[in-house]
Amino acid sequence: MIPRTKQFKKELPQHLKNRVMRENIARAAWLSVQKRNERVAEIPEWEELREKASRIKREVIEHLWENLDIFQENAGKRGIEVFRAADAAEANRLAEDIARKHGIKRIAKSKSMLTEEIGFNDYMQEKGLEVVETDLGEYIIQLAGEAPSHLTAPALHKSRREIGRLFQEKLNVPYSENPEELTALARQVLREKFLAADMGVTGANFGIIESGQIVVVENEGNARMCAALPNVHLAFIGIERLIPRVYDLDLFLTLLCRSATGQKITSFVSLINGPRPPHAYDGPEKVYYILVDNRRSSFLQDEQLKQALYCIRCGACYNVCPVYQNIGGHAYGWVYQGPIGAVITPQLLGLPEAKDLPFASSLCGACSETCPVKIPLHRLLLYQRRRIVEESLSAGVEKAAFKVFAALARSPKLFAAPGRWIGRLQRLLPLQLRAPGWSKSRELPQPAKQTFREWWGKDADGVIHGR
């Protein structure tokens, strides 16, 4: 996916004007938050579980390279071939090499934000291989030629009427907006793709260090089909997605499923054990892992940003974010959106490429409160803002304004004077004063006849002191 993060401010108005999209997202986000809150309320010790998960992820990240070595060794013992990719280009080349080795022509793929990040689909299709998304949401946006707009619900921005028209156009079927009929149509098409696929590609929700297994969490069964039906299974795994033990799955599934979809447990939880043994009748003959860095290791050099690597990709911070609810996922211009996207994208792409994203936040703190692994997202957003300012990447007008403010703030008399004179000017003019940017959606408040400083300086007799 080609980033459009530099166009964030320029393209923002068109997203704000898309009323249908905003209504679709607001409705879906509200429902997700409601379901999540209902499930969380069933667990009195929820905060203790969040704290425990945060500690576990912190320990894993603090010793990440050692843990990756152990994970790779244990996966190898299961007959799984493991490769490491420093960046997107290397990850895609490795995947192509695997495909060429086995004569792959058709790939069935389940939802994976990591493959979106590295541009896997476009790369493989340019090499002449067919790649079909099998998650329903991903299949919809693949037909539409769009990018995902949410971590767990890629087609969150689309209504069933839009999907009905899309299926009518792309699949040449009668129009329907009935969800069951639309799902049945997609199932009919995708069943043939599953049976014809030479290789299945999945992501991984967790990699288990002690066993070398990966865990895939889903609701549709398509990821399990991708991992089990074709003769070759390839899994892309972000290097940060590790947890220590199978025992820890209970904790992380409890947090992930409730936070992501408001469920006690998803419909399918698959543990990938490796190639099928000689006596088995199903499962892949070959299993490969590609562990992808792609600038994740740069987080380890920063004591603040390394906390972002705790993320378990639940999307809960998207759902509670008032900014995301109003601009949608596509406005962010890349794979990761919402609060977590605004934190990690400047690091993954570079500060100059995504310097506006950390400022797309009200800093209300709802994201930090809802994060199941207690990432202090609002504080990390402030941290990224500070880095952007320190790198002189913020707007020149903004820097000049703050320099003026700093000069005024050093002198009580200078600080008071502008407010007093602007207030008098605004009372004299018949028209409402306008401030650039601010007045597009707000009105400057009419000043009081008496300033706060004047009011504060008065004693009981109405005498003003301190002049």
Protein backbone atom coordinates (compact mmCIF):
# COMPACT_ATOMS: atom_id res chain seq x y z
CA MET A 1 0.00 0.00 0.00
CA ILE A 2 1.43 3.35 -1.06
CA PRO A 3 1.29 5.79 1.88
CA ARG A 4 -0.73 8.99 1.49
CA THR A 5 0.10 10.31 4.92
CA LYS A 6 1.67 13.48 3.55
CA GLN A 7 -1.71 14.41 2.07
CA PHE A 8 -3.51 14.05 5.40
CA LYS A 9 -4.42 17.71 5.88
CA LYS A 10 -5.15 18.29 2.21
CA GLU A 11 -7.52 15.31 1.89
CA LEU A 12 -9.15 15.62 5.30
CA PRO A 13 -12.05 17.86 4.11
CA GLN A 14 -13.27 15.27 1.60
CA HIS A 15 -13.50 12.64 4.34
CA LEU A 16 -15.33 15.00 6.68
CA LYS A 17 -17.85 15.74 3.91
CA ASN A 18 -18.56 12.04 3.33
CA ARG A 19 -21.65 11.85 5.49
CA VAL A 20 -22.55 8.26 4.59
CA MET A 21 -19.10 7.01 5.53
CA ARG A 22 -19.16 8.91 8.82
CA GLU A 23 -22.59 7.52 9.72
CA ASN A 24 -21.50 3.96 8.87
CA ILE A 25 -18.39 4.23 11.03
CA ALA A 26 -20.12 5.97 13.94
CA ARG A 27 -22.83 3.32 14.03
CA ALA A 28 -20.38 0.40 13.83
CA ALA A 29 -17.99 1.94 16.36
CA TRP A 30 -20.79 2.62 18.85
CA LEU A 31 -22.00 -0.98 18.56
CA SER A 32 -18.47 -2.32 19.03
CA VAL A 33 -17.89 -0.19 22.12
CA GLN A 34 -21.22 -1.23 23.61
CA LYS A 35 -20.52 -4.95 23.08
CA ARG A 36 -17.00 -4.57 24.42
CA ASN A 37 -18.22 -2.83 27.58
CA GLU A 38 -20.83 -5.52 28.21
CA ARG A 39 -18.25 -8.30 28.02
CA VAL A 40 -15.70 -6.41 30.10
CA ALA A 41 -18.30 -5.79 32.83
CA GLU A 42 -18.53 -9.58 33.26
CA ILE A 43 -14.92 -9.70 34.52
CA PRO A 44 -14.39 -7.92 37.87
CA GLU A 45 -10.62 -8.40 37.64
CA TRP A 46 -10.36 -6.78 34.18
CA GLU A 47 -7.85 -4.13 35.28
CA GLU A 48 -5.64 -6.76 36.90
CA LEU A 49 -5.67 -8.75 33.64
CA ARG A 50 -4.66 -5.65 31.67
CA GLU A 51 -1.79 -5.01 34.05
CA LYS A 52 -0.63 -8.63 33.86
CA ALA A 53 -0.71 -8.65 30.05
CA SER A 54 1.22 -5.38 29.94
CA ARG A 55 3.93 -6.84 32.19
CA ILE A 56 4.22 -9.95 30.02
CA LYS A 57 4.52 -7.95 26.81
CA ARG A 58 7.06 -5.64 28.42
CA GLU A 59 9.22 -8.62 29.38
CA VAL A 60 8.97 -10.09 25.89
CA ILE A 61 9.94 -6.82 24.21
CA GLU A 62 12.82 -6.16 26.61
CA HIS A 63 14.41 -9.45 25.49
CA LEU A 64 13.02 -9.55 21.96
CA TRP A 65 16.06 -10.79 20.05
CA GLU A 66 16.66 -13.64 22.46
CA ASN A 67 12.95 -14.56 22.35
CA LEU A 68 12.94 -14.54 18.55
CA ASP A 69 15.88 -16.95 18.49
CA ILE A 70 14.09 -19.35 20.85
CA PHE A 71 10.84 -19.08 18.87
CA GLN A 72 12.63 -19.77 15.60
CA GLU A 73 14.48 -22.76 17.07
CA ASN A 74 11.29 -24.29 18.48
CA ALA A 75 9.43 -23.74 15.22
CA GLY A 76 12.26 -25.49 13.39
CA LYS A 77 11.85 -28.51 15.65
CA ARG A 78 8.29 -28.78 14.32
CA GLY A 79 9.48 -28.90 10.73
CA ILE A 80 8.64 -25.26 10.03
CA GLU A 81 11.10 -23.25 7.94
CA VAL A 82 11.58 -19.77 9.42
CA PHE A 83 13.02 -16.76 7.62
CA ARG A 84 13.67 -13.23 8.84
CA ALA A 85 13.02 -10.17 6.71
CA ALA A 86 14.62 -6.83 7.54
CA ASP A 87 12.12 -4.87 5.44
CA ALA A 88 9.12 -5.12 3.13
CA ALA A 89 11.20 -5.76 0.02
CA GLU A 90 12.99 -8.71 1.58
CA ALA A 91 9.74 -10.16 2.98
CA ASN A 92 8.13 -10.10 -0.47
CA ARG A 93 11.22 -11.57 -2.17
CA LEU A 94 11.26 -14.43 0.33
CA ALA A 95 7.56 -15.08 -0.29
CA GLU A 96 8.13 -15.10 -4.04
CA ASP A 97 11.04 -17.52 -3.68
CA ILE A 98 8.82 -19.90 -1.71
CA ALA A 99 6.08 -19.62 -4.34
CA ARG A 100 8.52 -20.27 -7.21
CA LYS A 101 10.04 -23.23 -5.37
CA HIS A 102 6.66 -24.95 -5.19
CA GLY A 103 5.29 -23.82 -8.55
CA ILE A 104 2.57 -21.72 -6.93
CA LYS A 105 0.07 -19.97 -9.23
CA ARG A 106 -2.94 -19.26 -6.97
CA ILE A 107 -2.84 -17.93 -3.40
CA ALA A 108 -5.73 -17.85 -0.92
CA LYS A 109 -5.07 -15.28 1.77
CA SER A 110 -6.68 -14.43 5.11
CA LYS A 111 -6.75 -11.00 6.73
CA SER A 112 -3.32 -9.67 7.69
CA MET A 113 -2.44 -6.03 8.27
CA LEU A 114 1.23 -6.92 7.99
CA THR A 115 0.77 -8.06 4.39
CA GLU A 116 -1.05 -4.79 3.71
CA GLU A 117 1.89 -2.96 5.24
CA ILE A 118 4.46 -4.63 2.99
CA GLY A 119 2.30 -4.51 -0.16
CA PHE A 120 2.24 -8.31 -0.55
CA ASN A 121 -0.81 -8.54 -2.83
CA ASP A 122 0.42 -6.00 -5.36
CA TYR A 123 3.90 -7.49 -5.38
CA MET A 124 2.74 -11.05 -6.02
CA GLN A 125 0.20 -10.02 -8.63
CA GLU A 126 2.90 -8.08 -10.48
CA LYS A 127 4.84 -11.35 -10.57
CA GLY A 128 1.92 -13.07 -12.28
CA LEU A 129 0.41 -14.83 -9.25
CA GLU A 130 -3.27 -14.65 -8.32
CA VAL A 131 -3.98 -13.51 -4.75
CA VAL A 132 -7.53 -13.67 -3.41
CA GLU A 133 -8.59 -12.26 -0.04
CA THR A 134 -10.86 -14.72 1.73
CA ASP A 135 -11.93 -12.70 4.77
CA LEU A 136 -15.32 -11.23 3.82
CA GLY A 137 -14.37 -7.67 4.70
CA GLU A 138 -11.04 -7.94 2.89
CA TYR A 139 -12.73 -9.55 -0.11
CA ILE A 140 -15.16 -6.63 -0.30
CA ILE A 141 -12.43 -3.99 -0.31
CA GLN A 142 -10.33 -6.05 -2.76
CA LEU A 143 -13.28 -5.97 -5.16
CA ALA A 144 -13.65 -2.23 -4.54
CA GLY A 145 -9.91 -1.60 -5.05
CA GLU A 146 -9.66 0.06 -1.65
CA ALA A 147 -7.51 -0.24 1.46
CA PRO A 148 -8.81 -1.48 4.84
CA SER A 149 -10.32 1.22 7.03
CA HIS A 150 -10.10 -0.67 10.33
CA LEU A 151 -7.88 -3.30 11.96
CA THR A 152 -10.56 -5.90 12.61
CA ALA A 153 -13.34 -4.72 10.27
CA PRO A 154 -11.72 -3.74 6.96
CA ALA A 155 -15.01 -2.75 5.30
CA LEU A 156 -16.40 -0.92 8.33
CA HIS A 157 -16.96 2.21 6.23
CA LYS A 158 -19.30 0.52 3.75
CA SER A 159 -23.05 0.07 4.11
CA ARG A 160 -24.83 -3.08 2.95
CA ARG A 161 -26.33 -1.06 0.08
CA GLU A 162 -22.86 -0.10 -1.12
CA ILE A 163 -21.75 -3.73 -0.84
CA GLY A 164 -24.84 -4.87 -2.73
CA ARG A 165 -24.07 -2.51 -5.62
CA LEU A 166 -20.42 -3.60 -5.58
CA PHE A 167 -21.32 -7.29 -5.84
CA GLN A 168 -23.81 -6.51 -8.61
CA GLU A 169 -21.09 -4.72 -10.60
CA LYS A 170 -18.12 -6.99 -9.92
CA LEU A 171 -19.76 -10.42 -9.65
CA ASN A 172 -22.55 -9.85 -12.17
CA VAL A 173 -25.29 -10.95 -9.77
CA PRO A 174 -28.72 -9.45 -9.00
CA TYR A 175 -28.68 -6.55 -6.54
CA SER A 176 -29.34 -7.44 -2.92
CA GLU A 177 -28.69 -5.66 0.36
CA ASN A 178 -29.62 -8.66 2.49
CA PRO A 179 -26.52 -9.58 4.55
CA GLU A 180 -27.23 -13.31 4.43
CA GLU A 181 -27.61 -13.28 0.65
CA LEU A 182 -24.44 -11.20 0.21
CA THR A 183 -22.50 -13.56 2.47
CA ALA A 184 -23.80 -16.58 0.55
CA LEU A 185 -22.68 -15.03 -2.75
CA ALA A 186 -19.18 -14.39 -1.41
CA ARG A 187 -19.02 -17.90 0.07
CA GLN A 188 -19.92 -19.44 -3.30
CA VAL A 189 -17.12 -17.58 -5.08
CA LEU A 190 -14.53 -18.08 -2.38
CA ARG A 191 -15.16 -21.81 -1.99
CA GLU A 192 -13.80 -22.33 -5.50
CA LYS A 193 -10.77 -20.19 -4.67
CA PHE A 194 -10.00 -22.26 -1.57
CA LEU A 195 -10.15 -25.52 -3.51
CA ALA A 196 -7.98 -24.20 -6.35
CA ALA A 197 -5.33 -22.50 -4.19
CA ASP A 198 -1.76 -23.82 -4.27
CA MET A 199 -0.67 -21.80 -1.23
CA GLY A 200 -2.43 -20.31 1.76
CA VAL A 201 -1.19 -17.13 3.40
CA THR A 202 -2.10 -15.97 6.89
CA GLY A 203 -0.90 -13.55 9.49
CA ALA A 204 -0.52 -14.43 13.17
CA ASN A 205 -2.15 -12.95 16.23
CA PHE A 206 0.45 -14.51 18.50
CA GLY A 207 3.68 -16.46 18.22
CA ILE A 208 4.32 -18.75 21.19
CA ILE A 209 7.99 -18.68 22.18
CA GLU A 210 8.13 -21.94 24.13
CA SER A 211 6.52 -24.05 21.40
CA GLY A 212 7.18 -22.32 18.06
CA GLN A 213 3.46 -22.36 17.28
CA ILE A 214 1.43 -19.44 15.99
CA VAL A 215 -2.14 -18.58 16.88
CA VAL A 216 -4.72 -17.25 14.41
CA VAL A 217 -7.94 -15.77 15.79
CA GLU A 218 -10.97 -15.28 13.51
CA ASN A 219 -14.73 -15.60 13.14
CA GLU A 220 -15.23 -16.88 9.58
CA GLY A 221 -13.08 -19.99 9.33
CA ASN A 222 -11.33 -18.68 6.23
CA ALA A 223 -7.93 -18.39 7.94
CA ARG A 224 -8.16 -22.00 9.06
CA MET A 225 -9.01 -22.99 5.48
CA CYS A 226 -6.01 -21.03 4.17
CA ALA A 227 -3.75 -22.79 6.67
CA ALA A 228 -5.14 -26.29 6.15
CA LEU A 229 -6.37 -26.82 2.57
CA PRO A 230 -3.43 -25.82 0.30
CA ASN A 231 -0.24 -27.87 0.29
CA VAL A 232 1.82 -24.85 1.32
CA HIS A 233 1.12 -22.50 4.21
CA LEU A 234 3.02 -19.24 4.62
CA ALA A 235 2.55 -17.05 7.72
CA PHE A 236 3.78 -13.48 8.02
CA ILE A 237 4.59 -12.54 11.62
CA GLY A 238 5.57 -9.17 13.00
CA ILE A 239 8.59 -9.65 15.26
CA GLU A 240 6.71 -8.09 18.20
CA ARG A 241 3.79 -10.55 18.18
CA LEU A 242 5.34 -13.03 20.63
CA ILE A 243 4.02 -14.29 23.96
CA PRO A 244 5.96 -16.64 26.27
CA ARG A 245 3.79 -19.73 26.76
CA VAL A 246 0.69 -21.58 25.60
CA TYR A 247 -0.54 -21.00 29.16
CA ASP A 248 -0.62 -17.24 28.45
CA LEU A 249 -3.16 -17.70 25.67
CA ASP A 250 -6.01 -17.76 28.18
CA LEU A 251 -5.12 -14.26 29.32
CA PHE A 252 -4.48 -12.75 25.88
CA LEU A 253 -7.54 -14.32 24.23
CA THR A 254 -9.69 -13.02 27.09
CA LEU A 255 -8.41 -9.50 26.45
CA LEU A 256 -8.23 -9.64 22.65
CA CYS A 257 -11.64 -11.11 21.86
CA ARG A 258 -13.56 -8.83 24.21
CA SER A 259 -11.66 -5.74 23.08
CA ALA A 260 -11.79 -6.47 19.35
CA THR A 261 -15.29 -7.85 18.74
CA GLY A 262 -17.08 -7.85 22.09
CA GLN A 263 -17.04 -11.65 22.22
CA LYS A 264 -16.03 -14.00 25.01
CA ILE A 265 -14.15 -15.99 22.38
CA THR A 266 -14.07 -15.84 18.61
CA SER A 267 -15.56 -18.64 16.52
CA PHE A 268 -12.18 -20.05 15.52
CA VAL A 269 -8.87 -20.11 17.38
CA SER A 270 -6.24 -22.10 15.46
CA LEU A 271 -2.82 -23.21 16.70
CA ILE A 272 -0.50 -23.94 13.79
CA ASN A 273 1.64 -26.92 14.69
CA GLY A 274 3.63 -27.38 11.49
CA PRO A 275 3.44 -29.64 8.41
CA ARG A 276 1.08 -32.57 8.54
CA PRO A 277 2.64 -35.82 9.78
CA PRO A 278 2.93 -38.77 7.37
CA HIS A 279 -0.14 -40.56 8.75
CA ALA A 280 -2.45 -37.49 8.53
CA TYR A 281 -4.92 -36.86 5.71
CA ASP A 282 -5.18 -33.08 5.91
CA GLY A 283 -3.00 -30.07 6.52
CA PRO A 284 -0.17 -28.55 4.51
CA GLU A 285 2.91 -30.45 3.44
CA LYS A 286 5.14 -27.41 4.00
CA VAL A 287 4.83 -24.56 6.51
CA TYR A 288 6.90 -21.37 6.40
CA TYR A 289 7.14 -18.39 8.73
CA ILE A 290 8.52 -15.02 7.67
CA LEU A 291 9.39 -12.87 10.69
CA VAL A 292 9.17 -9.24 9.56
CA ASP A 293 11.05 -6.33 11.13
CA ASN A 294 10.34 -3.43 8.74
CA ARG A 295 11.56 -0.78 11.23
CA ARG A 296 9.98 -2.39 14.28
CA SER A 297 13.43 -2.75 15.79
CA SER A 298 13.79 1.05 15.71
CA PHE A 299 11.15 1.22 18.45
CA LEU A 300 13.49 -0.69 20.74
CA GLN A 301 15.91 2.21 20.76
CA ASP A 302 13.35 4.52 22.37
CA GLU A 303 12.15 3.86 25.92
CA GLN A 304 8.83 5.58 25.23
CA LEU A 305 7.99 4.19 21.79
CA LYS A 306 8.87 0.58 22.62
CA GLN A 307 5.59 0.48 24.57
CA ALA A 308 3.75 0.64 21.23
CA LEU A 309 5.14 -2.83 20.45
CA TYR A 310 2.87 -4.26 23.17
CA CYS A 311 -0.10 -3.77 20.80
CA ILE A 312 -2.18 -6.91 20.10
CA ARG A 313 -4.06 -5.29 17.17
CA CYS A 314 -7.54 -5.37 18.67
CA GLY A 315 -8.69 -2.04 17.21
CA ALA A 316 -10.43 -0.98 20.43
CA CYS A 317 -8.66 2.39 20.40
CA TYR A 318 -10.13 3.07 16.95
CA ASN A 319 -13.66 2.51 18.19
CA VAL A 320 -13.50 4.94 21.11
CA CYS A 321 -11.55 7.65 19.30
CA PRO A 322 -13.76 10.67 18.44
CA VAL A 323 -11.36 11.70 15.67
CA TYR A 324 -11.40 8.28 13.98
CA GLN A 325 -15.18 8.17 14.24
CA ASN A 326 -15.43 11.43 12.31
CA ILE A 327 -12.75 11.05 9.64
CA GLY A 328 -12.63 7.28 9.10
CA GLY A 329 -9.64 5.04 8.50
CA HIS A 330 -8.80 6.08 4.94
CA ALA A 331 -8.12 9.66 6.06
CA TYR A 332 -4.95 8.50 7.84
CA GLY A 333 -3.46 7.50 4.50
CA TRP A 334 -1.93 4.14 5.43
CA VAL A 335 -2.51 0.72 6.94
CA TYR A 336 -2.61 1.68 10.62
CA GLN A 337 -5.13 4.26 11.75
CA GLY A 338 -6.69 5.64 14.89
CA PRO A 339 -4.57 6.40 17.99
CA ILE A 340 -2.18 3.46 17.60
CA GLY A 341 -1.68 4.30 13.93
CA ALA A 342 -0.95 7.93 14.77
CA VAL A 343 1.76 6.69 17.18
CA ILE A 344 3.46 3.99 15.10
CA THR A 345 3.11 5.29 11.54
CA PRO A 346 5.58 8.19 12.04
CA GLN A 347 8.11 5.64 13.25
CA LEU A 348 7.43 3.04 10.56
CA LEU A 349 7.44 5.53 7.69
CA GLY A 350 9.59 8.28 9.20
CA LEU A 351 8.57 11.50 10.95
CA PRO A 352 8.56 13.66 7.80
CA GLU A 353 6.17 11.25 6.06
CA ALA A 354 3.53 11.25 8.82
CA LYS A 355 4.17 14.41 10.82
CA ASP A 356 0.49 15.43 10.92
CA LEU A 357 -0.97 12.19 12.29
CA PRO A 358 -0.06 12.61 16.01
CA PHE A 359 -1.92 15.93 15.97
CA ALA A 360 -5.13 14.19 14.82
CA SER A 361 -6.21 13.55 18.39
CA SER A 362 -8.28 15.27 21.05
CA LEU A 363 -6.00 13.73 23.74
CA CYS A 364 -9.13 12.73 25.65
CA GLY A 365 -7.34 9.60 26.89
CA ALA A 366 -10.13 7.16 25.97
CA CYS A 367 -7.67 5.15 23.87
CA SER A 368 -5.35 4.60 26.82
CA GLU A 369 -8.23 3.63 29.08
CA THR A 370 -9.56 1.03 26.65
CA CYS A 371 -6.24 -0.49 25.52
CA PRO A 372 -6.18 -4.10 26.80
CA VAL A 373 -2.40 -4.04 27.32
CA LYS A 374 -2.32 -0.54 28.87
CA ILE A 375 -0.34 1.28 26.20
CA PRO A 376 -0.37 4.97 27.28
CA LEU A 377 -1.45 6.07 23.82
CA HIS A 378 -2.33 9.67 24.64
CA ARG A 379 1.07 10.18 26.24
CA LEU A 380 2.82 8.61 23.24
CA LEU A 381 0.88 10.94 20.94
CA LEU A 382 2.21 13.89 22.94
CA TYR A 383 5.69 12.38 22.77
CA GLN A 384 5.51 12.09 18.99
CA ARG A 385 4.29 15.69 18.77
CA ARG A 386 7.30 16.83 20.77
CA ARG A 387 9.67 14.92 18.51
CA ILE A 388 8.10 16.49 15.43
CA VAL A 389 8.50 19.97 16.88
CA GLU A 390 12.07 19.29 17.95
CA GLU A 391 12.89 18.10 14.43
CA SER A 392 11.53 21.44 13.10
CA LEU A 393 8.85 19.60 11.11
CA SER A 394 5.89 21.59 12.43
CA ALA A 395 4.39 24.50 10.50
CA GLY A 396 6.39 27.74 10.47
CA VAL A 397 3.33 29.83 11.35
CA GLU A 398 2.69 27.62 14.36
CA LYS A 399 6.28 27.96 15.60
CA ALA A 400 6.14 31.74 15.17
CA ALA A 401 2.86 31.91 17.09
CA PHE A 402 4.29 29.98 20.02
CA LYS A 403 7.39 32.17 20.09
CA VAL A 404 5.14 35.21 20.38
CA PHE A 405 3.10 33.49 23.07
CA ALA A 406 6.28 32.60 25.00
CA ALA A 407 7.43 36.23 24.87
CA LEU A 408 4.05 37.47 26.13
CA ALA A 409 3.85 34.83 28.84
CA ARG A 410 7.09 36.04 30.39
CA SER A 411 5.54 39.43 31.18
CA PRO A 412 2.20 39.73 33.05
CA LYS A 413 1.58 43.22 31.63
CA LEU A 414 2.32 42.15 28.04
CA PHE A 415 0.23 39.00 28.48
CA ALA A 416 -2.79 41.00 29.69
CA ALA A 417 -2.62 43.76 27.08
CA PRO A 418 -3.60 41.79 23.91
CA GLY A 419 -6.66 40.28 25.56
CA ARG A 420 -7.79 43.67 26.80
CA TRP A 421 -7.34 45.47 23.48
CA ILE A 422 -8.68 42.65 21.28
CA GLY A 423 -11.76 42.51 23.50
CA ARG A 424 -12.35 46.25 23.14
CA LEU A 425 -11.86 46.04 19.37
CA GLN A 426 -14.28 43.14 19.05
CA ARG A 427 -16.95 45.04 21.02
CA LEU A 428 -16.56 48.09 18.76
CA LEU A 429 -16.77 46.21 15.44
CA PRO A 430 -20.25 45.30 14.18
CA LEU A 431 -18.99 42.08 12.52
CA GLN A 432 -17.79 38.89 14.14
CA LEU A 433 -13.99 38.62 14.09
CA ARG A 434 -12.64 35.54 12.34
CA ALA A 435 -9.56 33.54 13.17
CA PRO A 436 -7.82 31.51 10.41
CA GLY A 437 -8.69 27.84 10.67
CA TRP A 438 -10.57 28.16 13.94
CA SER A 439 -13.52 30.06 12.43
CA LYS A 440 -14.21 27.39 9.81
CA SER A 441 -16.26 25.48 12.36
CA ARG A 442 -16.46 27.78 15.41
CA GLU A 443 -17.21 31.36 16.33
CA LEU A 444 -14.89 33.43 18.45
CA PRO A 445 -16.67 34.09 21.75
CA GLN A 446 -17.78 37.63 22.47
CA PRO A 447 -15.54 39.07 25.21
CA ALA A 448 -16.92 39.99 28.59
CA LYS A 449 -17.06 43.66 29.50
CA GLN A 450 -14.69 42.94 32.36
CA THR A 451 -11.59 40.78 31.96
CA PHE A 452 -10.83 37.98 34.35
CA ARG A 453 -7.78 39.84 35.63
CA GLU A 454 -9.89 42.92 36.33
CA TRP A 455 -12.47 40.84 38.14
CA TRP A 456 -9.80 39.00 40.14
CA GLY A 457 -8.10 42.24 41.17
CA LYS A 458 -11.21 43.80 42.68
CA ASP A 459 -11.75 43.83 46.45
CA ALA A 460 -15.08 43.92 48.23
CA ASP A 461 -15.35 47.71 47.66
CA GLY A 462 -14.83 47.36 43.90
CA VAL A 463 -11.36 48.89 43.95
CA ILE A 464 -8.92 47.38 41.43
CA HIS A 465 -5.48 46.64 42.85
CA GLY A 466 -2.19 45.75 41.31
CA ARG A 467 -2.05 48.45 38.59
